[in-house]
Amino acid sequence: MVINTATTLAMVAVCLAATAIPTSADAQAQQRRTLTVKHAPITSPGDVSESWSSQQNIKESEQYERLLRTNPAFRKARMQKECGGITDPQLRQSCLASFDNYKS
């Protein structure tokens, strides 16, 4: 009985030692599991169009800012759209204050 117990303990010790010491084959297997995938940026159809240009972007930005300055209804609608979902009072106030530059 003592011999069986000793044999069992020796086998357990050998198994633990074998699993605790990484071999070079284990290291190579670990390196093979690493995979890097690179792909093009993901865009939606509205993000990019064939007719897009930096000049067009500048023109649209200027038009947007002109509407914010000259059209109170447009400014109010944009304030509601951009700040309406913000529940934190401090952040909401900061968002609303960012439109103060466009008041006439």
PDB file of N, CA and C in Angstrom:
ATOM      1  N   MET A   1       0.815  -1.194   0.000  1.00  0.00           N
ATOM      2  CA  MET A   1       0.000   0.000   0.000  1.00  0.00           C
ATOM      3  C   MET A   1       0.863   1.265   0.000  1.00  0.00           C
ATOM      4  N   VAL A   2       1.922   1.233   0.789  1.00  0.00           N
ATOM      5  CA  VAL A   2       2.821   2.368   0.852  1.00  0.00           C
ATOM      6  C   VAL A   2       3.531   2.545  -0.490  1.00  0.00           C
ATOM      7  N   ILE A   3       3.847   1.447  -1.148  1.00  0.00           N
ATOM      8  CA  ILE A   3       4.513   1.515  -2.444  1.00  0.00           C
ATOM      9  C   ILE A   3       3.573   2.112  -3.486  1.00  0.00           C
ATOM     10  N   ASN A   4       2.292   1.736  -3.490  1.00  0.00           N
ATOM     11  CA  ASN A   4       1.317   2.310  -4.429  1.00  0.00           C
ATOM     12  C   ASN A   4       1.161   3.807  -4.217  1.00  0.00           C
ATOM     13  N   THR A   5       1.094   4.233  -2.968  1.00  0.00           N
ATOM     14  CA  THR A   5       0.958   5.650  -2.650  1.00  0.00           C
ATOM     15  C   THR A   5       2.205   6.406  -3.103  1.00  0.00           C
ATOM     16  N   ALA A   6       3.355   5.829  -2.834  1.00  0.00           N
ATOM     17  CA  ALA A   6       4.602   6.473  -3.228  1.00  0.00           C
ATOM     18  C   ALA A   6       4.701   6.562  -4.742  1.00  0.00           C
ATOM     19  N   THR A   7       4.304   5.503  -5.435  1.00  0.00           N
ATOM     20  CA  THR A   7       4.331   5.501  -6.898  1.00  0.00           C
ATOM     21  C   THR A   7       3.376   6.546  -7.450  1.00  0.00           C
ATOM     22  N   THR A   8       2.191   6.631  -6.889  1.00  0.00           N
ATOM     23  CA  THR A   8       1.197   7.613  -7.323  1.00  0.00           C
ATOM     24  C   THR A   8       1.716   9.028  -7.114  1.00  0.00           C
ATOM     25  N   LEU A   9       2.297   9.295  -5.943  1.00  0.00           N
ATOM     26  CA  LEU A   9       2.834  10.623  -5.660  1.00  0.00           C
ATOM     27  C   LEU A   9       3.983  10.962  -6.611  1.00  0.00           C
ATOM     28  N   ALA A  10       4.800   9.970  -6.926  1.00  0.00           N
ATOM     29  CA  ALA A  10       5.906  10.205  -7.854  1.00  0.00           C
ATOM     30  C   ALA A  10       5.375  10.541  -9.246  1.00  0.00           C
ATOM     31  N   MET A  11       4.347   9.845  -9.676  1.00  0.00           N
ATOM     32  CA  MET A  11       3.743  10.120 -10.987  1.00  0.00           C
ATOM     33  C   MET A  11       3.130  11.513 -11.029  1.00  0.00           C
ATOM     34  N   VAL A  12       2.453  11.900  -9.951  1.00  0.00           N
ATOM     35  CA  VAL A  12       1.866  13.237  -9.877  1.00  0.00           C
ATOM     36  C   VAL A  12       2.956  14.296  -9.946  1.00  0.00           C
ATOM     37  N   ALA A  13       4.069  14.074  -9.238  1.00  0.00           N
ATOM     38  CA  ALA A  13       5.173  15.027  -9.243  1.00  0.00           C
ATOM     39  C   ALA A  13       5.765  15.159 -10.641  1.00  0.00           C
ATOM     40  N   VAL A  14       5.926  14.031 -11.341  1.00  0.00           N
ATOM     41  CA  VAL A  14       6.464  14.073 -12.702  1.00  0.00           C
ATOM     42  C   VAL A  14       5.517  14.827 -13.633  1.00  0.00           C
ATOM     43  N   CYS A  15       4.229  14.572 -13.511  1.00  0.00           N
ATOM     44  CA  CYS A  15       3.240  15.261 -14.366  1.00  0.00           C
ATOM     45  C   CYS A  15       3.228  16.761 -14.102  1.00  0.00           C
ATOM     46  N   LEU A  16       3.275  17.144 -12.826  1.00  0.00           N
ATOM     47  CA  LEU A  16       3.296  18.569 -12.486  1.00  0.00           C
ATOM     48  C   LEU A  16       4.556  19.233 -13.008  1.00  0.00           C
ATOM     49  N   ALA A  17       5.673  18.568 -12.889  1.00  0.00           N
ATOM     50  CA  ALA A  17       6.928  19.128 -13.370  1.00  0.00           C
ATOM     51  C   ALA A  17       6.884  19.285 -14.890  1.00  0.00           C
ATOM     52  N   ALA A  18       6.312  18.317 -15.562  1.00  0.00           N
ATOM     53  CA  ALA A  18       6.248  18.372 -17.021  1.00  0.00           C
ATOM     54  C   ALA A  18       5.358  19.521 -17.500  1.00  0.00           C
ATOM     55  N   THR A  19       4.282  19.788 -16.797  1.00  0.00           N
ATOM     56  CA  THR A  19       3.383  20.865 -17.227  1.00  0.00           C
ATOM     57  C   THR A  19       3.868  22.226 -16.766  1.00  0.00           C
ATOM     58  N   ALA A  20       4.682  22.291 -15.740  1.00  0.00           N
ATOM     59  CA  ALA A  20       5.135  23.577 -15.201  1.00  0.00           C
ATOM     60  C   ALA A  20       6.287  24.159 -15.992  1.00  0.00           C
ATOM     61  N   ILE A  21       7.076  23.338 -16.664  1.00  0.00           N
ATOM     62  CA  ILE A  21       8.248  23.811 -17.391  1.00  0.00           C
ATOM     63  C   ILE A  21       7.894  23.928 -18.874  1.00  0.00           C
ATOM     64  N   PRO A  22       7.826  25.160 -19.400  1.00  0.00           N
ATOM     65  CA  PRO A  22       7.514  25.296 -20.820  1.00  0.00           C
ATOM     66  C   PRO A  22       8.711  24.880 -21.666  1.00  0.00           C
ATOM     67  N   THR A  23       8.447  24.231 -22.729  1.00  0.00           N
ATOM     68  CA  THR A  23       9.501  23.824 -23.657  1.00  0.00           C
ATOM     69  C   THR A  23       9.535  24.800 -24.816  1.00  0.00           C
ATOM     70  N   SER A  24      10.571  24.690 -25.631  1.00  0.00           N
ATOM     71  CA  SER A  24      10.652  25.582 -26.792  1.00  0.00           C
ATOM     72  C   SER A  24       9.515  25.297 -27.766  1.00  0.00           C
ATOM     73  N   ALA A  25       9.055  24.048 -27.826  1.00  0.00           N
ATOM     74  CA  ALA A  25       7.917  23.713 -28.683  1.00  0.00           C
ATOM     75  C   ALA A  25       6.658  24.419 -28.191  1.00  0.00           C
ATOM     76  N   ASP A  26       6.498  24.501 -26.850  1.00  0.00           N
ATOM     77  CA  ASP A  26       5.346  25.210 -26.289  1.00  0.00           C
ATOM     78  C   ASP A  26       5.411  26.698 -26.649  1.00  0.00           C
ATOM     79  N   ALA A  27       6.604  27.282 -26.567  1.00  0.00           N
ATOM     80  CA  ALA A  27       6.758  28.704 -26.888  1.00  0.00           C
ATOM     81  C   ALA A  27       6.432  28.963 -28.351  1.00  0.00           C
ATOM     82  N   GLN A  28       6.894  28.059 -29.229  1.00  0.00           N
ATOM     83  CA  GLN A  28       6.595  28.223 -30.652  1.00  0.00           C
ATOM     84  C   GLN A  28       5.104  28.081 -30.924  1.00  0.00           C
ATOM     85  N   ALA A  29       4.465  27.139 -30.239  1.00  0.00           N
ATOM     86  CA  ALA A  29       3.023  26.958 -30.412  1.00  0.00           C
ATOM     87  C   ALA A  29       2.287  28.201 -29.944  1.00  0.00           C
ATOM     88  N   GLN A  30       2.759  28.811 -28.853  1.00  0.00           N
ATOM     89  CA  GLN A  30       2.121  30.028 -28.332  1.00  0.00           C
ATOM     90  C   GLN A  30       2.267  31.165 -29.343  1.00  0.00           C
ATOM     91  N   GLN A  31       3.419  31.283 -29.976  1.00  0.00           N
ATOM     92  CA  GLN A  31       3.633  32.337 -30.963  1.00  0.00           C
ATOM     93  C   GLN A  31       2.757  32.128 -32.190  1.00  0.00           C
ATOM     94  N   ARG A  32       2.535  30.901 -32.573  1.00  0.00           N
ATOM     95  CA  ARG A  32       1.709  30.637 -33.741  1.00  0.00           C
ATOM     96  C   ARG A  32       0.257  31.004 -33.498  1.00  0.00           C
ATOM     97  N   ARG A  33      -0.172  31.058 -32.258  1.00  0.00           N
ATOM     98  CA  ARG A  33      -1.566  31.386 -31.961  1.00  0.00           C
ATOM     99  C   ARG A  33      -1.848  32.884 -32.090  1.00  0.00           C
ATOM    100  N   THR A  34      -0.811  33.697 -32.099  1.00  0.00           N
ATOM    101  CA  THR A  34      -0.989  35.136 -32.213  1.00  0.00           C
ATOM    102  C   THR A  34      -1.277  35.483 -33.665  1.00  0.00           C
ATOM    103  N   LEU A  35      -2.362  36.212 -33.870  1.00  0.00           N
ATOM    104  CA  LEU A  35      -2.778  36.540 -35.233  1.00  0.00           C
ATOM    105  C   LEU A  35      -3.160  38.012 -35.286  1.00  0.00           C
ATOM    106  N   THR A  36      -2.573  38.740 -36.205  1.00  0.00           N
ATOM    107  CA  THR A  36      -2.904  40.142 -36.392  1.00  0.00           C
ATOM    108  C   THR A  36      -3.635  40.275 -37.720  1.00  0.00           C
ATOM    109  N   VAL A  37      -4.817  40.862 -37.660  1.00  0.00           N
ATOM    110  CA  VAL A  37      -5.611  41.053 -38.868  1.00  0.00           C
ATOM    111  C   VAL A  37      -5.691  42.543 -39.146  1.00  0.00           C
ATOM    112  N   LYS A  38      -5.305  42.924 -40.340  1.00  0.00           N
ATOM    113  CA  LYS A  38      -5.393  44.331 -40.730  1.00  0.00           C
ATOM    114  C   LYS A  38      -6.379  44.435 -41.873  1.00  0.00           C
ATOM    115  N   HIS A  39      -7.225  45.435 -41.797  1.00  0.00           N
ATOM    116  CA  HIS A  39      -8.205  45.647 -42.862  1.00  0.00           C
ATOM    117  C   HIS A  39      -8.415  47.140 -43.051  1.00  0.00           C
ATOM    118  N   ALA A  40      -9.024  47.465 -44.125  1.00  0.00           N
ATOM    119  CA  ALA A  40      -9.302  48.870 -44.418  1.00  0.00           C
ATOM    120  C   ALA A  40     -10.295  49.422 -43.403  1.00  0.00           C
ATOM    121  N   PRO A  41     -10.283  50.730 -43.174  1.00  0.00           N
ATOM    122  CA  PRO A  41     -11.263  51.326 -42.261  1.00  0.00           C
ATOM    123  C   PRO A  41     -12.690  50.988 -42.690  1.00  0.00           C
ATOM    124  N   ILE A  42     -13.536  50.798 -41.707  1.00  0.00           N
ATOM    125  CA  ILE A  42     -14.936  50.475 -41.979  1.00  0.00           C
ATOM    126  C   ILE A  42     -15.702  51.785 -42.115  1.00  0.00           C
ATOM    127  N   THR A  43     -16.416  51.950 -43.200  1.00  0.00           N
ATOM    128  CA  THR A  43     -17.188  53.169 -43.429  1.00  0.00           C
ATOM    129  C   THR A  43     -18.614  52.810 -43.799  1.00  0.00           C
ATOM    130  N   SER A  44     -19.482  53.744 -43.544  1.00  0.00           N
ATOM    131  CA  SER A  44     -20.877  53.615 -43.961  1.00  0.00           C
ATOM    132  C   SER A  44     -21.039  54.314 -45.299  1.00  0.00           C
ATOM    133  N   PRO A  45     -22.092  53.972 -46.041  1.00  0.00           N
ATOM    134  CA  PRO A  45     -22.272  54.610 -47.355  1.00  0.00           C
ATOM    135  C   PRO A  45     -22.310  56.137 -47.294  1.00  0.00           C
ATOM    136  N   GLY A  46     -22.822  56.715 -46.229  1.00  0.00           N
ATOM    137  CA  GLY A  46     -22.898  58.168 -46.136  1.00  0.00           C
ATOM    138  C   GLY A  46     -21.591  58.831 -45.745  1.00  0.00           C
ATOM    139  N   ASP A  47     -20.598  58.032 -45.312  1.00  0.00           N
ATOM    140  CA  ASP A  47     -19.327  58.600 -44.866  1.00  0.00           C
ATOM    141  C   ASP A  47     -18.510  59.177 -46.014  1.00  0.00           C
ATOM    142  N   VAL A  48     -18.481  58.476 -47.117  1.00  0.00           N
ATOM    143  CA  VAL A  48     -17.629  58.868 -48.233  1.00  0.00           C
ATOM    144  C   VAL A  48     -18.421  58.729 -49.527  1.00  0.00           C
ATOM    145  N   SER A  49     -18.292  59.710 -50.351  1.00  0.00           N
ATOM    146  CA  SER A  49     -18.907  59.589 -51.673  1.00  0.00           C
ATOM    147  C   SER A  49     -17.854  59.971 -52.710  1.00  0.00           C
ATOM    148  N   GLU A  50     -18.101  59.607 -53.914  1.00  0.00           N
ATOM    149  CA  GLU A  50     -17.128  59.891 -54.966  1.00  0.00           C
ATOM    150  C   GLU A  50     -16.978  61.382 -55.205  1.00  0.00           C
ATOM    151  N   SER A  51     -18.003  62.160 -54.889  1.00  0.00           N
ATOM    152  CA  SER A  51     -17.946  63.584 -55.168  1.00  0.00           C
ATOM    153  C   SER A  51     -17.430  64.399 -53.971  1.00  0.00           C
ATOM    154  N   TRP A  52     -17.045  63.728 -52.877  1.00  0.00           N
ATOM    155  CA  TRP A  52     -16.585  64.441 -51.692  1.00  0.00           C
ATOM    156  C   TRP A  52     -15.246  65.095 -51.964  1.00  0.00           C
ATOM    157  N   SER A  53     -15.100  66.295 -51.433  1.00  0.00           N
ATOM    158  CA  SER A  53     -13.813  66.980 -51.544  1.00  0.00           C
ATOM    159  C   SER A  53     -13.639  67.864 -50.314  1.00  0.00           C
ATOM    160  N   SER A  54     -12.411  68.226 -50.051  1.00  0.00           N
ATOM    161  CA  SER A  54     -12.154  69.082 -48.895  1.00  0.00           C
ATOM    162  C   SER A  54     -12.815  70.447 -49.082  1.00  0.00           C
ATOM    163  N   GLN A  55     -12.847  70.949 -50.320  1.00  0.00           N
ATOM    164  CA  GLN A  55     -13.495  72.242 -50.562  1.00  0.00           C
ATOM    165  C   GLN A  55     -14.993  72.152 -50.268  1.00  0.00           C
ATOM    166  N   GLN A  56     -15.605  71.028 -50.647  1.00  0.00           N
ATOM    167  CA  GLN A  56     -17.027  70.832 -50.382  1.00  0.00           C
ATOM    168  C   GLN A  56     -17.272  70.782 -48.871  1.00  0.00           C
ATOM    169  N   ASN A  57     -16.385  70.137 -48.149  1.00  0.00           N
ATOM    170  CA  ASN A  57     -16.509  70.045 -46.698  1.00  0.00           C
ATOM    171  C   ASN A  57     -16.427  71.430 -46.060  1.00  0.00           C
ATOM    172  N   ILE A  58     -15.489  72.227 -46.509  1.00  0.00           N
ATOM    173  CA  ILE A  58     -15.342  73.591 -45.985  1.00  0.00           C
ATOM    174  C   ILE A  58     -16.590  74.410 -46.287  1.00  0.00           C
ATOM    175  N   LYS A  59     -17.105  74.285 -47.497  1.00  0.00           N
ATOM    176  CA  LYS A  59     -18.307  75.032 -47.900  1.00  0.00           C
ATOM    177  C   LYS A  59     -19.506  74.644 -47.023  1.00  0.00           C
ATOM    178  N   GLU A  60     -19.680  73.335 -46.793  1.00  0.00           N
ATOM    179  CA  GLU A  60     -20.800  72.877 -45.967  1.00  0.00           C
ATOM    180  C   GLU A  60     -20.634  73.300 -44.509  1.00  0.00           C
ATOM    181  N   SER A  61     -19.408  73.295 -43.998  1.00  0.00           N
ATOM    182  CA  SER A  61     -19.157  73.748 -42.630  1.00  0.00           C
ATOM    183  C   SER A  61     -19.480  75.230 -42.472  1.00  0.00           C
ATOM    184  N   GLU A  62     -19.077  76.021 -43.464  1.00  0.00           N
ATOM    185  CA  GLU A  62     -19.386  77.454 -43.416  1.00  0.00           C
ATOM    186  C   GLU A  62     -20.884  77.699 -43.475  1.00  0.00           C
ATOM    187  N   GLN A  63     -21.600  76.922 -44.293  1.00  0.00           N
ATOM    188  CA  GLN A  63     -23.055  77.057 -44.382  1.00  0.00           C
ATOM    189  C   GLN A  63     -23.706  76.691 -43.046  1.00  0.00           C
ATOM    190  N   TYR A  64     -23.220  75.623 -42.416  1.00  0.00           N
ATOM    191  CA  TYR A  64     -23.750  75.189 -41.118  1.00  0.00           C
ATOM    192  C   TYR A  64     -23.555  76.288 -40.074  1.00  0.00           C
ATOM    193  N   GLU A  65     -22.355  76.851 -40.022  1.00  0.00           N
ATOM    194  CA  GLU A  65     -22.083  77.911 -39.047  1.00  0.00           C
ATOM    195  C   GLU A  65     -22.892  79.164 -39.334  1.00  0.00           C
ATOM    196  N   ARG A  66     -23.094  79.483 -40.618  1.00  0.00           N
ATOM    197  CA  ARG A  66     -23.910  80.649 -40.989  1.00  0.00           C
ATOM    198  C   ARG A  66     -25.355  80.443 -40.514  1.00  0.00           C
ATOM    199  N   LEU A  67     -25.884  79.222 -40.686  1.00  0.00           N
ATOM    200  CA  LEU A  67     -27.241  78.939 -40.213  1.00  0.00           C
ATOM    201  C   LEU A  67     -27.330  79.034 -38.690  1.00  0.00           C
ATOM    202  N   LEU A  68     -26.307  78.567 -37.991  1.00  0.00           N
ATOM    203  CA  LEU A  68     -26.308  78.683 -36.525  1.00  0.00           C
ATOM    204  C   LEU A  68     -26.353  80.143 -36.089  1.00  0.00           C
ATOM    205  N   ARG A  69     -25.630  81.020 -36.832  1.00  0.00           N
ATOM    206  CA  ARG A  69     -25.578  82.437 -36.467  1.00  0.00           C
ATOM    207  C   ARG A  69     -26.861  83.193 -36.833  1.00  0.00           C
ATOM    208  N   THR A  70     -27.454  82.838 -37.972  1.00  0.00           N
ATOM    209  CA  THR A  70     -28.529  83.675 -38.504  1.00  0.00           C
ATOM    210  C   THR A  70     -29.927  83.113 -38.310  1.00  0.00           C
ATOM    211  N   ASN A  71     -30.061  81.845 -37.976  1.00  0.00           N
ATOM    212  CA  ASN A  71     -31.378  81.218 -37.888  1.00  0.00           C
ATOM    213  C   ASN A  71     -31.590  80.631 -36.494  1.00  0.00           C
ATOM    214  N   PRO A  72     -32.287  81.383 -35.615  1.00  0.00           N
ATOM    215  CA  PRO A  72     -32.496  80.909 -34.237  1.00  0.00           C
ATOM    216  C   PRO A  72     -33.227  79.561 -34.169  1.00  0.00           C
ATOM    217  N   ALA A  73     -34.147  79.311 -35.090  1.00  0.00           N
ATOM    218  CA  ALA A  73     -34.870  78.030 -35.079  1.00  0.00           C
ATOM    219  C   ALA A  73     -33.911  76.872 -35.404  1.00  0.00           C
ATOM    220  N   PHE A  74     -33.012  77.094 -36.366  1.00  0.00           N
ATOM    221  CA  PHE A  74     -32.025  76.070 -36.703  1.00  0.00           C
ATOM    222  C   PHE A  74     -31.096  75.820 -35.521  1.00  0.00           C
ATOM    223  N   ARG A  75     -30.618  76.921 -34.880  1.00  0.00           N
ATOM    224  CA  ARG A  75     -29.731  76.797 -33.722  1.00  0.00           C
ATOM    225  C   ARG A  75     -30.420  76.030 -32.603  1.00  0.00           C
ATOM    226  N   LYS A  76     -31.681  76.358 -32.338  1.00  0.00           N
ATOM    227  CA  LYS A  76     -32.435  75.684 -31.277  1.00  0.00           C
ATOM    228  C   LYS A  76     -32.606  74.184 -31.587  1.00  0.00           C
ATOM    229  N   ALA A  77     -32.891  73.879 -32.844  1.00  0.00           N
ATOM    230  CA  ALA A  77     -33.044  72.470 -33.241  1.00  0.00           C
ATOM    231  C   ALA A  77     -31.735  71.711 -33.078  1.00  0.00           C
ATOM    232  N   ARG A  78     -30.605  72.350 -33.459  1.00  0.00           N
ATOM    233  CA  ARG A  78     -29.305  71.690 -33.310  1.00  0.00           C
ATOM    234  C   ARG A  78     -28.943  71.525 -31.834  1.00  0.00           C
ATOM    235  N   MET A  79     -29.280  72.506 -31.014  1.00  0.00           N
ATOM    236  CA  MET A  79     -29.010  72.401 -29.577  1.00  0.00           C
ATOM    237  C   MET A  79     -29.779  71.218 -28.988  1.00  0.00           C
ATOM    238  N   GLN A  80     -31.033  71.078 -29.399  1.00  0.00           N
ATOM    239  CA  GLN A  80     -31.851  69.978 -28.905  1.00  0.00           C
ATOM    240  C   GLN A  80     -31.290  68.640 -29.382  1.00  0.00           C
ATOM    241  N   LYS A  81     -30.903  68.585 -30.641  1.00  0.00           N
ATOM    242  CA  LYS A  81     -30.398  67.329 -31.199  1.00  0.00           C
ATOM    243  C   LYS A  81     -29.063  66.923 -30.569  1.00  0.00           C
ATOM    244  N   GLU A  82     -28.159  67.884 -30.406  1.00  0.00           N
ATOM    245  CA  GLU A  82     -26.821  67.570 -29.923  1.00  0.00           C
ATOM    246  C   GLU A  82     -26.734  67.480 -28.404  1.00  0.00           C
ATOM    247  N   CYS A  83     -27.556  68.239 -27.691  1.00  0.00           N
ATOM    248  CA  CYS A  83     -27.443  68.275 -26.231  1.00  0.00           C
ATOM    249  C   CYS A  83     -28.611  67.604 -25.520  1.00  0.00           C
ATOM    250  N   GLY A  84     -29.685  67.329 -26.255  1.00  0.00           N
ATOM    251  CA  GLY A  84     -30.902  66.817 -25.635  1.00  0.00           C
ATOM    252  C   GLY A  84     -30.752  65.489 -24.923  1.00  0.00           C
ATOM    253  N   GLY A  85     -29.876  64.624 -25.390  1.00  0.00           N
ATOM    254  CA  GLY A  85     -29.725  63.311 -24.777  1.00  0.00           C
ATOM    255  C   GLY A  85     -28.758  63.278 -23.608  1.00  0.00           C
ATOM    256  N   ILE A  86     -28.137  64.386 -23.299  1.00  0.00           N
ATOM    257  CA  ILE A  86     -27.148  64.424 -22.216  1.00  0.00           C
ATOM    258  C   ILE A  86     -27.877  64.574 -20.888  1.00  0.00           C
ATOM    259  N   THR A  87     -27.685  63.603 -19.998  1.00  0.00           N
ATOM    260  CA  THR A  87     -28.415  63.623 -18.714  1.00  0.00           C
ATOM    261  C   THR A  87     -27.622  64.278 -17.600  1.00  0.00           C
ATOM    262  N   ASP A  88     -26.316  64.308 -17.696  1.00  0.00           N
ATOM    263  CA  ASP A  88     -25.513  64.952 -16.654  1.00  0.00           C
ATOM    264  C   ASP A  88     -25.700  66.467 -16.769  1.00  0.00           C
ATOM    265  N   PRO A  89     -26.171  67.129 -15.703  1.00  0.00           N
ATOM    266  CA  PRO A  89     -26.469  68.569 -15.785  1.00  0.00           C
ATOM    267  C   PRO A  89     -25.263  69.422 -16.186  1.00  0.00           C
ATOM    268  N   GLN A  90     -24.087  69.097 -15.671  1.00  0.00           N
ATOM    269  CA  GLN A  90     -22.902  69.885 -15.981  1.00  0.00           C
ATOM    270  C   GLN A  90     -22.507  69.736 -17.450  1.00  0.00           C
ATOM    271  N   LEU A  91     -22.530  68.516 -17.944  1.00  0.00           N
ATOM    272  CA  LEU A  91     -22.180  68.294 -19.348  1.00  0.00           C
ATOM    273  C   LEU A  91     -23.213  68.902 -20.284  1.00  0.00           C
ATOM    274  N   ARG A  92     -24.491  68.803 -19.900  1.00  0.00           N
ATOM    275  CA  ARG A  92     -25.549  69.391 -20.729  1.00  0.00           C
ATOM    276  C   ARG A  92     -25.383  70.903 -20.819  1.00  0.00           C
ATOM    277  N   GLN A  93     -25.090  71.535 -19.677  1.00  0.00           N
ATOM    278  CA  GLN A  93     -24.905  72.985 -19.658  1.00  0.00           C
ATOM    279  C   GLN A  93     -23.699  73.384 -20.502  1.00  0.00           C
ATOM    280  N   SER A  94     -22.641  72.580 -20.439  1.00  0.00           N
ATOM    281  CA  SER A  94     -21.456  72.851 -21.244  1.00  0.00           C
ATOM    282  C   SER A  94     -21.776  72.737 -22.736  1.00  0.00           C
ATOM    283  N   CYS A  95     -22.564  71.725 -23.097  1.00  0.00           N
ATOM    284  CA  CYS A  95     -22.956  71.556 -24.502  1.00  0.00           C
ATOM    285  C   CYS A  95     -23.778  72.753 -24.973  1.00  0.00           C
ATOM    286  N   LEU A  96     -24.755  73.142 -24.180  1.00  0.00           N
ATOM    287  CA  LEU A  96     -25.599  74.282 -24.558  1.00  0.00           C
ATOM    288  C   LEU A  96     -24.780  75.561 -24.655  1.00  0.00           C
ATOM    289  N   ALA A  97     -23.826  75.735 -23.740  1.00  0.00           N
ATOM    290  CA  ALA A  97     -22.989  76.940 -23.752  1.00  0.00           C
ATOM    291  C   ALA A  97     -22.112  77.007 -24.995  1.00  0.00           C
ATOM    292  N   SER A  98     -21.784  75.838 -25.576  1.00  0.00           N
ATOM    293  CA  SER A  98     -20.942  75.850 -26.771  1.00  0.00           C
ATOM    294  C   SER A  98     -21.654  76.522 -27.950  1.00  0.00           C
ATOM    295  N   PHE A  99     -22.963  76.673 -27.884  1.00  0.00           N
ATOM    296  CA  PHE A  99     -23.712  77.337 -28.952  1.00  0.00           C
ATOM    297  C   PHE A  99     -23.793  78.854 -28.733  1.00  0.00           C
ATOM    298  N   ASP A 100     -23.345  79.347 -27.582  1.00  0.00           N
ATOM    299  CA  ASP A 100     -23.423  80.783 -27.296  1.00  0.00           C
ATOM    300  C   ASP A 100     -22.602  81.603 -28.285  1.00  0.00           C
ATOM    301  N   ASN A 101     -21.557  81.028 -28.827  1.00  0.00           N
ATOM    302  CA  ASN A 101     -20.725  81.756 -29.809  1.00  0.00           C
ATOM    303  C   ASN A 101     -21.491  82.093 -31.079  1.00  0.00           C
ATOM    304  N   TYR A 102     -22.613  81.432 -31.320  1.00  0.00           N
ATOM    305  CA  TYR A 102     -23.347  81.599 -32.564  1.00  0.00           C
ATOM    306  C   TYR A 102     -24.576  82.501 -32.408  1.00  0.00           C
ATOM    307  N   LYS A 103     -24.788  83.019 -31.199  1.00  0.00           N
ATOM    308  CA  LYS A 103     -25.941  83.924 -31.016  1.00  0.00           C
ATOM    309  C   LYS A 103     -25.665  85.239 -31.721  1.00  0.00           C
ATOM    310  N   SER A 104     -26.728  85.815 -32.299  1.00  0.00           N
ATOM    311  CA  SER A 104     -26.547  87.078 -33.012  1.00  0.00           C
ATOM    312  C   SER A 104     -26.441  88.230 -32.062  1.00  0.00           C
TER     313      SER A 104
END
